[in-house]
Amino acid sequence: MLALTVKPGTAHSGSLDHVAEPDAQRGAILVRTLAVGICGTDREILSGAYGRASPGHERLILGHESLGEVQQAPAGCGLQPGDLVVGIVRQPDPVPCEACRQGEWDMCRNGQYTEHGIKELDGFCAERFRSEPQYLVSIDPRLRDTGVLLEPTSVVAKAWDHIERIGQRTRSWQARRALVTGAGPVGLLAALLARQHGCELHVYDHSSDSLKQALVERLGGRYHCESLEAATALAPDVIVECTGAPEVVAACISRNAAGGIVCLAGLSSGAHRIAYDFTALNRSMVLENDVVFGSVNANRRHYEAAAVALARADANWLRSLITRRVALSQWQDALKRESGDIKVVIDFTL
């Protein structure tokens, strides 16, 4: 079968290769891949920035945003041929730590977890893959065109899960106004969940892109691109920061409402540093009981919540997020950034 592979740590080593069929020892469920989403993590792995192949292997099958159709499944496993499924990216460590033992491998404490397409587990960008049923999430058949968005949605579903848990520190706190910074795929999906949680929605992005603005407005939100200061001056109760840009992060953690919650869901590149007044930050956070936390990855509970969120969403709105579909044979085109891109998908049905 064909698969997109990379030699981790080696720039420009991506290639479309013939690889062996997935070994039955990898899981009882055989899945035919329908689509794989491309994100910044894939681009960084292909650039040689990071990634790790399975022990004893030189190359890694790429891809962690999956959508597939079950081809084979044992009786009584909860899945059957024809079901649409998404693979959970992170797997628990072998020790396991306290978090992994309780199914919260997204919060692994010792770092020995593995991740499909990223760390020591082959990814999903192959014509077929295998998995155990507990690491597959079944989705609504109506999401056949957009179910590949489930993995990034799981990331913000986790963010909102933790926001709500933190908010429970006081009986009086409510998330009335939410600001999302960054209108890429994760930011727009965070905006979707903010509206589903009943928040007044504001989205900031440096781009004046008309499609992004239209998508935010179709959710009933307001799109800000003129001024970061004006957006953060709204004093939101919740900020979900999805850019990782240092100046945006700094504005978010210093301009939320008293008792506000800031979730950092974007990763900084490390290439840009800014001066910052941590004395003032300390004073405001202590006096206003603010919370800033980071969040990445997700466990099964969050994938299931994401599946519910996508099933509730407007189908045409979700389709609008996928701005390009590329055949596996043209995978290089999926890695190129083009004007107007939001989410680019390798479509195995083309």
Protein backbone atom coordinates (compact mmCIF):
# COMPACT_ATOMS: atom_id res chain seq x y z
CA MET A 1 0.00 0.00 0.00
CA LEU A 2 1.02 3.64 -0.38
CA ALA A 3 1.99 5.84 2.55
CA LEU A 4 3.54 9.27 3.08
CA THR A 5 6.72 8.71 5.10
CA VAL A 6 9.50 10.88 6.50
CA LYS A 7 12.92 10.33 8.07
CA PRO A 8 12.55 12.28 11.32
CA GLY A 9 15.26 14.85 11.88
CA THR A 10 16.12 15.04 8.19
CA ALA A 11 14.76 17.99 6.25
CA HIS A 12 12.95 17.41 2.95
CA SER A 13 12.95 13.61 3.45
CA GLY A 14 9.23 13.13 2.82
CA SER A 15 8.30 10.61 0.12
CA LEU A 16 5.36 8.56 -1.08
CA ASP A 17 6.43 4.96 -0.54
CA HIS A 18 5.12 1.44 -0.92
CA VAL A 19 4.96 -0.03 2.57
CA ALA A 20 3.77 -3.33 4.04
CA GLU A 21 0.14 -3.79 4.99
CA PRO A 22 -0.44 -2.93 8.67
CA ASP A 23 0.42 -5.82 10.95
CA ALA A 24 -2.54 -7.41 12.76
CA GLN A 25 -0.59 -7.00 16.00
CA ARG A 26 -1.13 -3.27 15.72
CA GLY A 27 -4.85 -3.67 16.31
CA ALA A 28 -7.95 -5.75 15.71
CA ILE A 29 -9.66 -3.06 13.60
CA LEU A 30 -8.64 -2.54 9.96
CA VAL A 31 -9.47 0.93 8.69
CA ARG A 32 -9.44 2.30 5.14
CA THR A 33 -8.21 5.88 5.18
CA LEU A 34 -10.50 8.47 3.64
CA ALA A 35 -8.72 11.71 4.54
CA VAL A 36 -5.81 13.13 6.52
CA GLY A 37 -5.61 16.77 7.59
CA ILE A 38 -2.39 18.76 7.26
CA CYS A 39 -1.26 21.12 9.99
CA GLY A 40 1.83 22.99 11.16
CA THR A 41 3.08 19.96 13.08
CA ASP A 42 3.32 17.95 9.84
CA ARG A 43 5.23 20.76 8.14
CA GLU A 44 7.67 20.98 11.05
CA ILE A 45 8.30 17.23 11.04
CA LEU A 46 8.93 17.34 7.29
CA SER A 47 11.34 20.23 7.85
CA GLY A 48 13.38 18.02 10.19
CA ALA A 49 12.50 20.03 13.31
CA TYR A 50 11.31 17.02 15.30
CA GLY A 51 9.51 13.67 15.16
CA ARG A 52 10.62 10.17 16.11
CA ALA A 53 10.17 6.90 14.23
CA SER A 54 9.11 3.65 15.88
CA PRO A 55 11.96 1.81 17.64
CA GLY A 56 14.04 -0.07 15.10
CA HIS A 57 12.69 1.92 12.14
CA GLU A 58 14.28 4.73 10.19
CA ARG A 59 11.13 6.20 8.70
CA LEU A 60 7.81 7.33 10.17
CA ILE A 61 4.42 7.32 8.45
CA LEU A 62 3.17 10.88 8.78
CA GLY A 63 -0.31 12.14 9.64
CA HIS A 64 -2.26 12.52 12.88
CA GLU A 65 -5.56 14.11 11.73
CA SER A 66 -7.45 11.12 10.38
CA LEU A 67 -10.77 9.99 8.98
CA GLY A 68 -11.38 6.41 7.95
CA GLU A 69 -13.94 3.70 7.32
CA VAL A 70 -13.85 0.38 9.18
CA GLN A 71 -13.17 -2.56 6.87
CA GLN A 72 -12.74 -5.38 9.38
CA ALA A 73 -13.80 -5.60 13.02
CA PRO A 74 -14.28 -8.53 15.41
CA ALA A 75 -17.78 -9.21 16.70
CA GLY A 76 -18.71 -7.44 19.92
CA CYS A 77 -16.02 -4.75 19.72
CA GLY A 78 -18.49 -1.89 19.33
CA LEU A 79 -17.52 -1.16 15.72
CA GLN A 80 -18.55 -2.75 12.44
CA PRO A 81 -17.56 -2.50 8.77
CA GLY A 82 -18.76 0.75 7.26
CA ASP A 83 -18.47 2.82 10.45
CA LEU A 84 -16.70 6.16 10.13
CA VAL A 85 -13.90 6.49 12.68
CA VAL A 86 -11.12 8.81 13.74
CA GLY A 87 -7.92 7.58 15.36
CA ILE A 88 -6.85 8.99 18.73
CA VAL A 89 -3.36 10.43 18.33
CA ARG A 90 -1.76 9.88 21.72
CA GLN A 91 -1.36 6.46 23.33
CA PRO A 92 -0.60 5.88 27.03
CA ASP A 93 2.90 5.20 28.24
CA PRO A 94 3.86 1.61 29.13
CA VAL A 95 4.54 2.24 32.82
CA PRO A 96 1.84 3.77 33.08
CA CYS A 97 1.86 7.03 35.03
CA GLU A 98 -1.13 8.06 37.19
CA ALA A 99 -2.76 10.03 34.37
CA CYS A 100 -2.32 7.35 31.71
CA ARG A 101 -3.63 4.69 34.09
CA GLN A 102 -6.90 6.62 34.31
CA GLY A 103 -7.27 7.16 30.56
CA GLU A 104 -5.96 10.74 30.64
CA TRP A 105 -2.89 10.11 28.51
CA ASP A 106 -3.09 13.68 27.22
CA MET A 107 -1.85 14.64 30.70
CA CYS A 108 0.98 12.07 30.80
CA ARG A 109 3.34 12.88 33.67
CA ASN A 110 6.51 11.04 32.62
CA GLY A 111 6.68 11.79 28.89
CA GLN A 112 6.76 8.15 27.79
CA TYR A 113 3.54 8.45 25.76
CA THR A 114 3.60 7.77 22.01
CA GLU A 115 1.80 9.66 19.24
CA HIS A 116 0.66 8.55 15.79
CA GLY A 117 2.57 10.35 13.08
CA ILE A 118 4.68 12.27 15.59
CA LYS A 119 6.41 10.19 18.25
CA GLU A 120 7.26 6.49 17.89
CA LEU A 121 3.99 5.41 16.25
CA ASP A 122 3.25 5.37 12.53
CA GLY A 123 0.65 7.90 11.51
CA PHE A 124 -2.53 7.64 9.50
CA CYS A 125 -1.34 8.94 6.10
CA ALA A 126 -1.44 5.47 4.55
CA GLU A 127 -4.11 3.73 2.53
CA ARG A 128 -4.96 1.51 5.52
CA PHE A 129 -4.13 1.38 9.22
CA ARG A 130 -4.95 -0.80 12.22
CA SER A 131 -5.96 0.13 15.75
CA GLU A 132 -7.50 -1.31 18.86
CA PRO A 133 -11.14 -0.21 19.28
CA GLN A 134 -10.47 1.89 22.40
CA TYR A 135 -8.30 4.21 20.31
CA LEU A 136 -10.92 4.79 17.62
CA VAL A 137 -13.86 7.18 17.94
CA SER A 138 -17.00 6.54 15.89
CA ILE A 139 -18.58 9.61 14.29
CA ASP A 140 -21.91 10.52 12.72
CA PRO A 141 -22.17 9.31 9.09
CA ARG A 142 -23.22 12.85 8.14
CA LEU A 143 -19.64 13.94 8.91
CA ARG A 144 -18.17 11.94 6.03
CA ASP A 145 -17.03 15.19 4.34
CA THR A 146 -15.80 16.93 7.49
CA GLY A 147 -14.97 14.30 10.12
CA VAL A 148 -11.27 14.87 9.44
CA LEU A 149 -11.74 18.02 11.56
CA LEU A 150 -12.34 15.91 14.67
CA GLU A 151 -8.74 15.83 15.92
CA PRO A 152 -8.25 19.63 15.97
CA THR A 153 -11.74 19.97 17.45
CA SER A 154 -10.74 17.57 20.24
CA VAL A 155 -7.94 19.97 21.20
CA VAL A 156 -10.36 22.85 21.80
CA ALA A 157 -12.93 20.51 23.36
CA LYS A 158 -10.27 19.73 25.96
CA ALA A 159 -9.57 23.45 26.36
CA TRP A 160 -13.23 24.13 27.11
CA ASP A 161 -13.44 21.14 29.45
CA HIS A 162 -10.59 22.59 31.51
CA ILE A 163 -11.99 26.13 31.31
CA GLU A 164 -15.26 24.91 32.80
CA ARG A 165 -13.46 22.93 35.51
CA ILE A 166 -11.39 25.97 36.48
CA GLY A 167 -14.52 28.14 36.45
CA GLN A 168 -16.07 25.88 39.05
CA ARG A 169 -13.60 27.28 41.64
CA THR A 170 -16.35 29.82 42.36
CA ARG A 171 -20.12 29.48 42.12
CA SER A 172 -20.50 33.00 40.70
CA TRP A 173 -18.25 32.68 37.62
CA GLN A 174 -19.80 32.47 34.16
CA ALA A 175 -18.26 32.55 30.69
CA ARG A 176 -20.29 35.32 29.07
CA ARG A 177 -17.78 36.80 26.62
CA ALA A 178 -15.08 34.85 24.81
CA LEU A 179 -12.17 36.07 22.69
CA VAL A 180 -10.36 33.68 20.36
CA THR A 181 -7.04 34.88 18.96
CA GLY A 182 -6.12 33.37 15.61
CA ALA A 183 -8.58 32.39 12.89
CA GLY A 184 -6.83 29.31 11.58
CA PRO A 185 -8.55 25.92 11.82
CA VAL A 186 -8.05 25.54 15.58
CA GLY A 187 -9.11 29.13 16.24
CA LEU A 188 -12.28 28.84 14.17
CA LEU A 189 -13.15 25.54 15.83
CA ALA A 190 -12.54 27.19 19.22
CA ALA A 191 -14.94 29.91 18.08
CA LEU A 192 -17.53 27.27 17.20
CA LEU A 193 -17.30 25.76 20.67
CA ALA A 194 -17.45 29.19 22.32
CA ARG A 195 -20.80 29.79 20.63
CA GLN A 196 -22.00 26.31 21.54
CA HIS A 197 -21.15 27.20 25.15
CA GLY A 198 -23.39 30.28 24.88
CA CYS A 199 -20.69 32.94 24.80
CA GLU A 200 -20.70 36.29 23.09
CA LEU A 201 -17.97 35.66 20.51
CA HIS A 202 -15.06 37.80 19.37
CA VAL A 203 -12.25 36.56 17.14
CA TYR A 204 -9.00 38.42 16.51
CA ASP A 205 -6.74 37.69 13.53
CA HIS A 206 -4.10 39.86 11.86
CA SER A 207 -5.54 39.00 8.44
CA SER A 208 -8.44 40.84 6.82
CA ASP A 209 -9.39 37.59 5.03
CA SER A 210 -13.03 37.83 3.94
CA LEU A 211 -13.71 34.09 4.27
CA LYS A 212 -12.50 34.00 7.88
CA GLN A 213 -14.59 37.06 8.69
CA ALA A 214 -17.64 35.49 7.04
CA LEU A 215 -17.16 32.25 8.99
CA VAL A 216 -17.00 34.14 12.29
CA GLU A 217 -20.04 36.23 11.42
CA ARG A 218 -22.00 33.13 10.42
CA LEU A 219 -21.43 31.92 13.98
CA GLY A 220 -22.90 35.19 15.24
CA GLY A 221 -19.51 36.53 16.29
CA ARG A 222 -17.51 39.68 15.58
CA TYR A 223 -14.25 39.54 13.62
CA HIS A 224 -11.44 41.89 14.67
CA CYS A 225 -8.39 42.51 12.50
CA GLU A 226 -7.85 46.21 12.99
CA SER A 227 -6.33 46.22 16.48
CA LEU A 228 -5.21 43.60 18.97
CA GLU A 229 -5.51 46.20 21.73
CA ALA A 230 -9.14 46.89 20.83
CA ALA A 231 -9.97 43.19 20.89
CA THR A 232 -8.35 42.51 24.25
CA ALA A 233 -9.85 45.72 25.70
CA LEU A 234 -13.21 43.92 25.61
CA ALA A 235 -12.18 42.30 28.92
CA PRO A 236 -13.36 38.81 27.97
CA ASP A 237 -14.12 36.24 30.62
CA VAL A 238 -12.41 33.56 28.49
CA ILE A 239 -9.57 33.90 26.02
CA VAL A 240 -8.46 30.96 23.89
CA GLU A 241 -5.09 31.96 22.41
CA CYS A 242 -4.34 29.98 19.24
CA THR A 243 -1.51 31.93 17.56
CA GLY A 244 1.50 31.35 19.81
CA ALA A 245 2.71 34.82 18.79
CA PRO A 246 4.51 36.36 21.81
CA GLU A 247 2.93 39.80 21.46
CA VAL A 248 -0.55 38.25 21.24
CA VAL A 249 0.09 36.00 24.24
CA ALA A 250 1.33 38.98 26.24
CA ALA A 251 -1.78 41.00 25.40
CA CYS A 252 -4.09 38.11 26.29
CA ILE A 253 -2.68 37.34 29.70
CA SER A 254 -2.71 41.00 30.74
CA ARG A 255 -6.08 42.17 29.39
CA ASN A 256 -8.72 39.61 30.40
CA ALA A 257 -11.56 40.36 32.83
CA ALA A 258 -11.05 40.07 36.58
CA GLY A 259 -11.28 36.40 37.49
CA GLY A 260 -10.82 35.58 33.82
CA ILE A 261 -9.36 32.41 32.31
CA VAL A 262 -6.80 32.35 29.52
CA CYS A 263 -6.07 29.10 27.68
CA LEU A 264 -2.85 29.02 25.67
CA ALA A 265 -3.49 26.59 22.81
CA GLY A 266 -0.90 27.88 20.33
CA LEU A 267 2.80 27.06 20.32
CA SER A 268 5.39 29.81 19.95
CA SER A 269 8.12 29.28 17.36
CA GLY A 270 10.81 30.63 19.67
CA ALA A 271 12.14 32.82 16.87
CA HIS A 272 10.77 36.07 18.29
CA ARG A 273 11.31 37.39 21.82
CA ILE A 274 9.71 40.41 23.45
CA ALA A 275 10.35 42.36 26.64
CA TYR A 276 7.59 41.93 29.22
CA ASP A 277 6.74 43.43 32.61
CA PHE A 278 6.24 40.34 34.76
CA THR A 279 5.96 42.45 37.90
CA ALA A 280 2.78 44.04 36.59
CA LEU A 281 1.52 40.65 35.39
CA ASN A 282 2.08 39.11 38.80
CA ARG A 283 0.27 41.96 40.51
CA SER A 284 -2.78 41.85 38.24
CA MET A 285 -3.10 38.05 38.26
CA VAL A 286 -2.91 37.87 42.06
CA LEU A 287 -5.24 40.80 42.74
CA GLU A 288 -7.80 39.70 40.13
CA ASN A 289 -7.67 35.92 40.73
CA ASP A 290 -6.79 35.28 37.09
CA VAL A 291 -5.83 31.89 35.64
CA VAL A 292 -3.56 31.17 32.67
CA PHE A 293 -3.04 27.57 31.58
CA GLY A 294 -1.69 25.65 28.62
CA SER A 295 -3.46 22.85 26.80
CA VAL A 296 -2.48 20.43 24.05
CA ASN A 297 -3.62 17.04 22.76
CA ALA A 298 -6.74 15.25 24.04
CA ASN A 299 -8.01 11.99 25.50
CA ARG A 300 -10.96 9.88 24.44
CA ARG A 301 -13.47 11.91 26.45
CA HIS A 302 -12.49 15.02 24.50
CA TYR A 303 -12.67 13.25 21.13
CA GLU A 304 -16.19 12.12 21.99
CA ALA A 305 -17.16 15.66 23.03
CA ALA A 306 -15.69 16.94 19.76
CA ALA A 307 -17.75 14.42 17.80
CA VAL A 308 -20.91 15.74 19.48
CA ALA A 309 -19.87 19.35 18.74
CA LEU A 310 -19.28 18.65 15.05
CA ALA A 311 -22.57 16.77 14.74
CA ARG A 312 -24.35 19.83 16.19
CA ALA A 313 -22.58 22.29 13.88
CA ASP A 314 -23.89 23.58 10.57
CA ALA A 315 -22.64 21.18 7.91
CA ASN A 316 -22.01 23.89 5.33
CA TRP A 317 -20.05 25.94 7.85
CA LEU A 318 -17.79 22.97 8.54
CA ARG A 319 -17.30 22.29 4.82
CA SER A 320 -16.17 25.90 4.37
CA LEU A 321 -13.22 25.29 6.71
CA ILE A 322 -11.75 22.74 4.28
CA THR A 323 -10.48 25.05 1.56
CA ARG A 324 -8.43 22.54 -0.46
CA ARG A 325 -8.50 18.78 -1.05
CA VAL A 326 -5.42 17.19 -2.58
CA ALA A 327 -4.90 13.64 -3.87
CA LEU A 328 -2.31 11.50 -2.08
CA SER A 329 -0.21 11.43 -5.25
CA GLN A 330 0.01 15.24 -5.07
CA TRP A 331 0.87 15.40 -1.38
CA GLN A 332 3.56 18.07 -1.89
CA ASP A 333 0.84 20.51 -2.93
CA ALA A 334 -0.90 20.00 0.41
CA LEU A 335 2.21 21.22 2.23
CA LYS A 336 2.42 24.46 0.27
CA ARG A 337 0.71 27.43 1.88
CA GLU A 338 -1.63 29.17 -0.55
CA SER A 339 -3.58 32.38 -0.18
CA GLY A 340 -6.98 31.70 1.33
CA ASP A 341 -6.02 28.37 2.91
CA ILE A 342 -7.70 27.42 6.16
CA LYS A 343 -7.59 23.63 6.34
CA VAL A 344 -5.93 21.55 3.63
CA VAL A 345 -6.73 17.85 3.45
CA ILE A 346 -5.15 14.89 1.66
CA ASP A 347 -8.19 13.13 0.22
CA PHE A 348 -7.63 9.40 -0.37
CA THR A 349 -10.79 9.15 -2.48
CA LEU A 350 -9.44 11.40 -5.25
